[in-house]
């Protein structure tokens, strides 16, 4: 594999551009013309690779998918209009009434809500286990389990499971592994090497970078034999497209088409630009996050700094083994109480009071009252989301300036 920066900048177009453009143009069109009725029929029915309608596929979106696929060596890549759409469409493709997903209560709020509430209305059960203990996960699996789903680093709890161990458990029982890898980009974490079958990513985060728009990606590595799935539709698909292609075939030709969640051409163009600087930005943001977290460790006004990059973090060793020396560009701090958290956030001058992660700008949010604000106190307690926690996403500003803003906010918090 070439270096990321070289690979991502040398990906060819599917067809030569008529004007020799170095950057894929934005094909901002709904429909495409065909020379004959048969050519139109072949495109609509999947007998040719031509584009028919931009709800189904689009040249600019396809180019974005192809660039990600070429670097990651995924069998297929599908781009969605949000990260949640990527998760929802993936799970809808593998679930059916009477099946279950084994996951954790340590999930992003809307992911948890989608599994626990939305899918339940369609007869799909979410089973929560402590993913740190693979034997507990194994006890949850039965003949109706369609997947094990988890986040590589949980947000905001900063928990890291042993992904290879979870994959071994899942595959021993003929169950696919689906991982939300948003916290560490694929430039630093190669999910397939740890047994992940399907990777879902909120590309709104690192890839978009400047928070220019929303997006999601689904990477299918073609490593799972879908004849083992309890989903009867996927089983039948294996007879048509083979045992490895069934999920991608259903996702692209049924779920994506029927739910209409394909990424827009303009967003694909913007995220292609983000791909070109992804590794450079991640390196700086992750390095800054580590330095700032280290400076704050000895700050007496902070009750706790939680960051997997810190040597004394309980998940530091497993994080290094799986992700290397660069950790996520996000960490949390805990203050005395919710009131102090609000005072601290209100006092920030450089860091923005906003949601999202891995923007060019540094961001701060109080997760318990925002992302998890509609859950009950009991539910938040079960999810280990505390009123005392502030989440900080570190941007591209000078690390010294970010630290200075945190320190001055701590000063004002106590006034």
Protein backbone atom coordinates (compact mmCIF):
# COMPACT_ATOMS: atom_id res chain seq x y z
CA UNK A 1 0.00 0.00 0.00
CA UNK A 2 1.30 3.47 -0.88
CA UNK A 3 1.43 6.21 1.68
CA UNK A 4 -2.03 7.65 2.25
CA UNK A 5 -1.18 11.12 0.95
CA UNK A 6 0.07 9.65 -2.33
CA UNK A 7 -2.69 7.09 -2.76
CA UNK A 8 -5.54 9.53 -2.18
CA UNK A 9 -4.14 12.10 -4.62
CA UNK A 10 -3.48 9.65 -7.44
CA UNK A 11 -6.83 7.84 -7.63
CA UNK A 12 -8.04 7.91 -11.25
CA UNK A 13 -11.53 8.80 -12.39
CA UNK A 14 -13.83 6.04 -13.63
CA UNK A 15 -13.85 7.83 -17.01
CA UNK A 16 -11.50 10.48 -18.42
CA UNK A 17 -12.87 13.98 -17.89
CA UNK A 18 -13.85 15.74 -21.09
CA UNK A 19 -11.85 18.82 -20.10
CA UNK A 20 -8.97 17.15 -18.30
CA UNK A 21 -10.00 18.39 -14.86
CA UNK A 22 -7.68 17.32 -12.05
CA UNK A 23 -10.53 17.43 -9.53
CA UNK A 24 -13.69 15.42 -10.17
CA UNK A 25 -16.44 17.85 -11.28
CA UNK A 26 -19.72 18.10 -9.41
CA UNK A 27 -22.38 16.29 -11.41
CA UNK A 28 -25.23 18.31 -9.97
CA UNK A 29 -27.94 16.57 -11.96
CA UNK A 30 -30.88 14.35 -11.13
CA UNK A 31 -30.94 12.26 -14.31
CA UNK A 32 -28.68 11.03 -17.12
CA UNK A 33 -29.45 10.60 -20.83
CA UNK A 34 -29.00 7.30 -22.69
CA UNK A 35 -28.38 6.63 -26.38
CA UNK A 36 -30.96 3.83 -26.57
CA UNK A 37 -33.90 2.36 -24.67
CA UNK A 38 -31.90 -0.82 -24.06
CA UNK A 39 -28.99 1.14 -22.56
CA UNK A 40 -31.46 2.81 -20.22
CA UNK A 41 -32.95 -0.53 -19.22
CA UNK A 42 -29.50 -2.04 -18.60
CA UNK A 43 -28.53 0.86 -16.32
CA UNK A 44 -31.76 0.75 -14.30
CA UNK A 45 -31.59 -3.01 -13.86
CA UNK A 46 -27.92 -3.12 -12.90
CA UNK A 47 -26.71 -4.84 -16.07
CA UNK A 48 -24.35 -1.94 -16.82
CA UNK A 49 -22.33 0.40 -14.58
CA UNK A 50 -23.89 3.55 -16.04
CA UNK A 51 -25.70 6.05 -13.82
CA UNK A 52 -29.45 6.40 -14.21
CA UNK A 53 -30.68 8.63 -11.39
CA UNK A 54 -28.78 10.47 -8.64
CA UNK A 55 -30.88 8.99 -5.85
CA UNK A 56 -29.32 5.65 -6.81
CA UNK A 57 -25.80 6.62 -7.93
CA UNK A 58 -23.89 9.65 -9.18
CA UNK A 59 -20.44 10.08 -10.77
CA UNK A 60 -19.16 12.52 -8.11
CA UNK A 61 -20.37 10.31 -5.28
CA UNK A 62 -18.96 7.23 -6.99
CA UNK A 63 -15.57 8.93 -7.28
CA UNK A 64 -15.60 9.66 -3.53
CA UNK A 65 -16.53 6.05 -2.76
CA UNK A 66 -13.84 4.78 -5.12
CA UNK A 67 -11.10 6.87 -3.50
CA UNK A 68 -11.96 5.54 -0.05
CA UNK A 69 -12.21 1.99 -1.39
CA UNK A 70 -8.86 2.20 -3.14
CA UNK A 71 -7.02 3.21 0.02
CA UNK A 72 -8.81 0.93 2.48
CA UNK A 73 -9.01 -2.11 0.16
CA UNK A 74 -12.67 -2.49 1.12
CA UNK A 75 -14.70 -4.65 -1.24
CA UNK A 76 -17.29 -1.89 -1.49
CA UNK A 77 -17.90 1.61 -0.11
CA UNK A 78 -21.29 3.33 0.07
CA UNK A 79 -21.64 7.04 0.85
CA UNK A 80 -24.68 8.30 2.79
CA UNK A 81 -25.98 11.75 3.59
CA UNK A 82 -25.22 11.42 7.35
CA UNK A 83 -23.39 9.13 9.72
CA UNK A 84 -26.70 8.11 11.29
CA UNK A 85 -28.01 7.20 7.84
CA UNK A 86 -24.97 4.95 7.37
CA UNK A 87 -25.71 3.19 10.68
CA UNK A 88 -29.47 2.96 10.14
CA UNK A 89 -29.24 1.64 6.58
CA UNK A 90 -26.60 -0.91 7.58
CA UNK A 91 -28.72 -2.31 10.39
CA UNK A 92 -31.89 -2.27 8.30
CA UNK A 93 -30.06 -4.35 5.69
CA UNK A 94 -29.18 -7.12 8.15
CA UNK A 95 -32.16 -7.16 10.54
CA UNK A 96 -35.57 -8.75 10.30
CA UNK A 97 -38.36 -9.31 12.80
CA UNK A 98 -37.30 -11.70 15.56
CA UNK A 99 -33.56 -11.04 15.26
CA UNK A 100 -31.24 -9.32 17.73
CA UNK A 101 -28.11 -7.17 17.82
CA UNK A 102 -25.54 -7.51 20.61
CA UNK A 103 -24.09 -4.14 21.51
CA UNK A 104 -23.31 -1.86 24.46
CA UNK A 105 -25.03 0.90 26.42
CA UNK A 106 -21.89 2.94 25.73
CA UNK A 107 -23.00 4.29 22.36
CA UNK A 108 -23.65 7.69 20.83
CA UNK A 109 -27.11 8.79 21.95
CA UNK A 110 -28.94 8.52 18.63
CA UNK A 111 -27.30 5.19 17.78
CA UNK A 112 -28.51 3.79 21.09
CA UNK A 113 -31.97 5.28 20.56
CA UNK A 114 -32.21 3.84 17.04
CA UNK A 115 -31.37 0.34 18.23
CA UNK A 116 -33.28 0.38 21.50
CA UNK A 117 -36.43 2.23 20.41
CA UNK A 118 -36.79 2.46 16.63
CA UNK A 119 -35.71 -1.08 15.72
CA UNK A 120 -37.75 -2.47 18.61
CA UNK A 121 -40.91 -1.25 16.86
CA UNK A 122 -40.01 -3.62 14.01
CA UNK A 123 -39.43 -6.59 16.28
CA UNK A 124 -35.63 -6.32 16.54
CA UNK A 125 -34.07 -6.69 19.99
CA UNK A 126 -31.02 -4.79 21.21
CA UNK A 127 -29.02 -6.76 23.76
CA UNK A 128 -26.50 -4.80 25.82
CA UNK A 129 -23.35 -6.37 27.20
CA UNK A 130 -20.11 -5.19 28.72
CA UNK A 131 -17.90 -5.36 25.65
CA UNK A 132 -14.77 -5.32 27.78
CA UNK A 133 -15.63 -8.91 28.71
CA UNK A 134 -15.92 -11.00 25.50
CA UNK A 135 -17.31 -13.94 27.48
CA UNK A 136 -20.31 -11.80 28.43
CA UNK A 137 -20.85 -10.94 24.78
CA UNK A 138 -20.66 -14.63 23.89
CA UNK A 139 -23.45 -15.45 26.36
CA UNK A 140 -25.71 -12.94 24.58
CA UNK A 141 -25.35 -14.53 21.14
CA UNK A 142 -27.93 -16.98 19.87
CA UNK A 143 -29.18 -18.30 16.54
CA UNK A 144 -31.08 -15.04 15.88
CA UNK A 145 -28.13 -12.68 16.41
CA UNK A 146 -27.46 -10.69 13.24
CA UNK A 147 -24.42 -8.69 14.40
CA UNK A 148 -22.14 -7.46 17.15
CA UNK A 149 -22.03 -3.66 16.97
CA UNK A 150 -19.68 -1.34 18.87
CA UNK A 151 -17.71 1.92 18.73
CA UNK A 152 -13.92 1.68 18.60
CA UNK A 153 -13.61 4.40 21.27
CA UNK A 154 -16.86 5.18 23.03
CA UNK A 155 -18.10 8.76 23.13
CA UNK A 156 -17.84 10.25 25.72
CA UNK A 157 -16.88 7.33 28.03
CA UNK A 158 -13.49 6.67 26.33
CA UNK A 159 -13.89 2.90 26.60
CA UNK A 160 -11.89 0.68 24.23
CA UNK A 161 -12.76 -2.98 23.72
CA UNK A 162 -10.39 -5.66 22.46
CA UNK A 163 -11.63 -5.72 18.86
CA UNK A 164 -9.77 -8.86 17.82
CA UNK A 165 -11.20 -10.73 20.81
CA UNK A 166 -14.74 -9.59 20.03
CA UNK A 167 -14.29 -10.57 16.39
CA UNK A 168 -13.08 -14.03 17.39
CA UNK A 169 -16.19 -14.53 19.53
CA UNK A 170 -18.51 -13.29 16.79
CA UNK A 171 -16.97 -15.33 14.00
CA UNK A 172 -16.93 -18.47 16.13
CA UNK A 173 -20.72 -18.18 16.18
CA UNK A 174 -21.11 -17.12 12.54
CA UNK A 175 -22.00 -13.50 13.39
CA UNK A 176 -20.64 -10.43 11.53
CA UNK A 177 -18.77 -7.64 13.31
CA UNK A 178 -19.89 -4.05 12.66
CA UNK A 179 -17.77 -1.24 14.08
CA UNK A 180 -18.37 2.50 14.19
CA UNK A 181 -14.80 3.70 13.67
CA UNK A 182 -15.51 7.43 13.58
CA UNK A 183 -13.17 8.22 16.48
CA UNK A 184 -10.01 7.00 14.71
CA UNK A 185 -9.78 7.53 10.91
CA UNK A 186 -8.93 4.68 8.56
CA UNK A 187 -5.54 6.28 7.94
CA UNK A 188 -4.55 5.17 11.46
CA UNK A 189 -6.78 2.15 12.13
CA UNK A 190 -7.17 -0.67 9.62
CA UNK A 191 -10.37 -2.29 10.83
CA UNK A 192 -10.14 -5.36 8.60
CA UNK A 193 -6.89 -6.41 10.30
CA UNK A 194 -8.80 -6.80 13.58
CA UNK A 195 -11.66 -8.86 12.17
CA UNK A 196 -14.18 -6.10 11.46
CA UNK A 197 -16.49 -7.11 8.61
CA UNK A 198 -18.38 -3.83 8.14
CA UNK A 199 -17.11 -0.39 9.10
CA UNK A 200 -19.45 2.59 9.54
CA UNK A 201 -18.06 6.12 9.70
CA UNK A 202 -19.53 9.55 10.29
CA UNK A 203 -17.55 11.35 7.59
CA UNK A 204 -18.98 14.60 8.96
CA UNK A 205 -16.09 14.40 11.42
CA UNK A 206 -12.46 13.92 10.37
CA UNK A 207 -13.06 13.64 6.62
CA UNK A 208 -15.21 16.75 6.33
CA UNK A 209 -12.80 18.46 8.69
CA UNK A 210 -14.06 21.99 8.41
CA UNK A 211 -17.62 20.92 9.22
CA UNK A 212 -18.67 21.92 5.71
CA UNK A 213 -21.41 19.30 5.59
CA UNK A 214 -22.77 15.95 6.73
CA UNK A 215 -21.90 12.48 5.52
CA UNK A 216 -21.53 8.82 6.34
CA UNK A 217 -19.67 5.84 4.90
CA UNK A 218 -20.22 2.09 4.99
CA UNK A 219 -17.22 -0.08 4.14
CA UNK A 220 -17.88 -3.76 3.45
CA UNK A 221 -14.66 -5.77 3.50
CA UNK A 222 -16.29 -8.85 1.95
CA UNK A 223 -15.05 -11.07 4.77
CA UNK A 224 -18.34 -12.46 6.06
CA UNK A 225 -20.22 -15.45 4.67
CA UNK A 226 -23.83 -14.23 4.60
CA UNK A 227 -25.16 -17.78 4.24
CA UNK A 228 -24.75 -17.88 8.05
CA UNK A 229 -27.09 -14.93 8.65
CA UNK A 230 -30.54 -15.53 10.19
CA UNK A 231 -31.83 -12.85 7.79
CA UNK A 232 -33.62 -14.81 5.09
CA UNK A 233 -33.35 -12.06 2.48
CA UNK A 234 -29.57 -11.96 2.83
CA UNK A 235 -29.42 -15.73 2.63
CA UNK A 236 -31.37 -15.72 -0.61
CA UNK A 237 -29.14 -12.97 -2.00
CA UNK A 238 -26.12 -15.24 -1.64
CA UNK A 239 -27.59 -17.50 -4.32
CA UNK A 240 -27.67 -14.53 -6.74
CA UNK A 241 -24.45 -12.66 -5.98
CA UNK A 242 -22.33 -15.02 -3.88
CA UNK A 243 -21.73 -15.50 -0.18
CA UNK A 244 -19.58 -12.36 0.29
CA UNK A 245 -21.56 -9.84 -1.77
CA UNK A 246 -25.05 -10.31 -0.30
CA UNK A 247 -24.90 -7.40 2.17
CA UNK A 248 -23.54 -4.89 -0.33
CA UNK A 249 -26.01 -6.04 -2.98
CA UNK A 250 -28.96 -5.56 -0.63
CA UNK A 251 -27.64 -2.27 0.73
CA UNK A 252 -27.09 -0.69 -2.68
CA UNK A 253 -29.98 -2.09 -4.71
CA UNK A 254 -32.74 -2.21 -2.09
CA UNK A 255 -32.14 -0.36 1.18
CA UNK A 256 -30.31 2.67 -0.21
CA UNK A 257 -32.64 2.97 -3.16
CA UNK A 258 -35.83 2.64 -1.12
CA UNK A 259 -34.80 4.95 1.73
CA UNK A 260 -33.13 7.57 -0.50
CA UNK A 261 -30.18 8.35 1.74
CA UNK A 262 -27.37 8.60 -0.85
CA UNK A 263 -24.88 11.42 -0.33
CA UNK A 264 -25.41 14.48 -2.52
CA UNK A 265 -22.93 15.25 -5.34
CA UNK A 266 -21.89 18.58 -3.80
CA UNK A 267 -21.17 16.98 -0.44
CA UNK A 268 -19.16 14.20 -2.11
CA UNK A 269 -17.05 16.86 -3.83
CA UNK A 270 -16.45 18.67 -0.52
CA UNK A 271 -15.53 15.46 1.27
CA UNK A 272 -13.12 14.48 -1.49
CA UNK A 273 -11.29 17.71 -0.70
CA UNK A 274 -11.31 16.68 2.95
CA UNK A 275 -9.78 13.31 2.10
CA UNK A 276 -6.73 15.04 0.65
CA UNK A 277 -5.72 16.63 3.96
CA UNK A 278 -7.21 14.03 6.33
CA UNK A 279 -3.98 12.49 7.62
CA UNK A 280 -2.23 15.84 8.02
CA UNK A 281 -5.11 17.25 10.06
CA UNK A 282 -5.49 14.12 12.18
CA UNK A 283 -1.80 14.12 13.05
CA UNK A 284 -1.87 17.71 14.24
CA UNK A 285 -5.20 17.49 16.08
CA UNK A 286 -4.36 14.22 17.83
CA UNK A 287 -0.90 15.49 18.81
CA UNK A 288 -2.39 18.70 20.19
CA UNK A 289 -5.03 16.75 22.12
CA UNK A 290 -2.37 14.63 23.79
CA UNK A 291 -0.23 17.63 24.73
CA UNK A 292 -3.18 19.57 26.17
CA UNK A 293 -4.49 16.54 28.09
CA UNK A 294 -1.03 16.03 29.59
CA UNK A 295 -0.89 19.68 30.73
CA UNK A 296 -4.31 19.43 32.35
CA UNK A 297 -3.59 16.25 34.31
CA UNK A 298 -2.05 18.20 37.17
CA UNK A 299 -4.68 20.98 37.16
CA UNK A 300 -6.28 20.89 40.65
CA UNK A 301 -9.58 22.44 39.52
CA UNK A 302 -10.19 19.48 37.19
CA UNK A 303 -11.42 16.32 38.87
CA UNK A 304 -10.36 14.01 36.04
CA UNK A 305 -8.95 14.08 32.51
CA UNK A 306 -10.02 11.06 30.45
CA UNK A 307 -8.04 10.42 27.28
CA UNK A 308 -6.79 7.10 25.95
CA UNK A 309 -3.53 8.77 24.95
CA UNK A 310 -2.55 9.27 28.59
CA UNK A 311 -0.23 6.60 30.00
CA UNK A 312 -2.37 6.07 33.09
CA UNK A 313 -5.68 5.72 31.26
CA UNK A 314 -7.20 2.24 31.86
CA UNK A 315 -7.52 1.63 28.11
CA UNK A 316 -4.19 3.14 27.07
CA UNK A 317 -2.40 -0.15 26.35
CA UNK A 318 -5.18 -1.67 24.23
CA UNK A 319 -5.61 1.65 22.44
CA UNK A 320 -1.91 1.77 21.50
CA UNK A 321 -2.03 -1.85 20.34
CA UNK A 322 -5.00 -1.19 18.07
CA UNK A 323 -4.58 2.44 16.97
CA UNK A 324 -0.88 3.19 17.38
CA UNK A 325 0.61 6.30 18.96
CA UNK A 326 -1.98 8.76 17.64
CA UNK A 327 -5.24 8.78 19.57
CA UNK A 328 -8.51 10.57 18.92
CA UNK A 329 -8.57 14.38 18.87
CA UNK A 330 -11.15 14.37 21.67
CA UNK A 331 -10.94 13.99 25.44
CA UNK A 332 -13.16 14.74 28.42
CA UNK A 333 -12.66 16.61 31.66
CA UNK A 334 -14.73 16.30 34.81
CA UNK A 335 -15.45 19.24 37.09
CA UNK A 336 -17.08 19.34 40.53
CA UNK A 337 -20.68 19.55 39.34
CA UNK A 338 -23.00 20.52 36.46
CA UNK A 339 -23.06 24.17 37.55
CA UNK A 340 -19.29 24.42 37.24
CA UNK A 341 -19.45 22.74 33.82
CA UNK A 342 -21.89 25.39 32.60
CA UNK A 343 -19.77 28.23 34.02
CA UNK A 344 -16.65 26.82 32.39
CA UNK A 345 -18.30 26.45 28.97
CA UNK A 346 -19.82 29.93 29.17
CA UNK A 347 -16.39 31.41 29.92
CA UNK A 348 -14.65 29.97 26.85
CA UNK A 349 -13.44 32.57 24.36
CA UNK A 350 -11.55 30.62 21.70
CA UNK A 351 -13.18 27.19 21.96
CA UNK A 352 -16.65 27.16 20.45
CA UNK A 353 -19.81 26.08 22.28
CA UNK A 354 -21.03 23.62 19.66
CA UNK A 355 -21.65 19.98 18.90
CA UNK A 356 -19.72 17.90 16.32
CA UNK A 357 -16.24 16.42 16.53
CA UNK A 358 -12.92 17.00 14.75
CA UNK A 359 -13.83 20.31 13.16
CA UNK A 360 -10.94 22.60 12.24
CA UNK A 361 -12.08 24.60 15.26
CA UNK A 362 -11.99 23.40 18.86
CA UNK A 363 -15.40 22.63 20.33
CA UNK A 364 -16.84 22.10 23.81
CA UNK A 365 -20.13 20.51 24.87
CA UNK A 366 -21.82 19.17 28.00
CA UNK A 367 -22.97 15.72 26.76
CA UNK A 368 -25.40 14.91 29.59
CA UNK A 369 -27.60 17.94 28.89
CA UNK A 370 -27.33 17.92 25.07
CA UNK A 371 -26.52 14.71 23.18
CA UNK A 372 -28.00 12.63 26.01
CA UNK A 373 -30.37 15.32 27.29
CA UNK A 374 -33.58 13.45 26.40
CA UNK A 375 -32.60 10.31 28.31
CA UNK A 376 -33.72 9.91 31.91
CA UNK A 377 -31.17 10.31 34.73
CA UNK A 378 -31.40 6.54 35.26
CA UNK A 379 -30.65 5.86 31.61
CA UNK A 380 -27.71 8.26 31.62
CA UNK A 381 -26.39 6.53 34.73
CA UNK A 382 -26.58 3.16 32.95
CA UNK A 383 -24.72 4.71 30.00
CA UNK A 384 -22.04 6.21 32.29
CA UNK A 385 -22.82 9.72 31.07
CA UNK A 386 -22.16 12.03 34.00
CA UNK A 387 -23.38 15.56 34.76
CA UNK A 388 -19.79 16.48 35.63
CA UNK A 389 -18.32 15.70 32.19
CA UNK A 390 -17.33 18.16 29.45
CA UNK A 391 -16.26 16.88 26.03
CA UNK A 392 -13.51 18.80 24.24
CA UNK A 393 -12.81 18.31 20.52
CA UNK A 394 -9.40 19.73 19.66
CA UNK A 395 -9.05 21.67 16.43
CA UNK A 396 -6.23 23.13 14.38
CA UNK A 397 -5.61 26.24 16.44
CA UNK A 398 -2.21 26.51 18.15
CA UNK A 399 -2.22 24.09 21.08
CA UNK A 400 -0.87 26.79 23.40
CA UNK A 401 -3.84 29.03 22.60
CA UNK A 402 -6.33 26.23 23.20
CA UNK A 403 -4.75 25.46 26.58
CA UNK A 404 -4.73 29.16 27.52
CA UNK A 405 -8.44 29.38 26.80
CA UNK A 406 -9.16 26.35 28.99
CA UNK A 407 -7.13 27.81 31.85
CA UNK A 408 -8.76 31.23 31.68
CA UNK A 409 -12.20 29.57 31.64
CA UNK A 410 -11.25 27.64 34.78
CA UNK A 411 -10.29 30.96 36.39
CA UNK A 412 -13.59 32.61 35.50
CA UNK A 413 -15.54 29.53 36.54
CA UNK A 414 -14.60 30.20 40.14
CA UNK A 415 -15.35 33.93 40.19
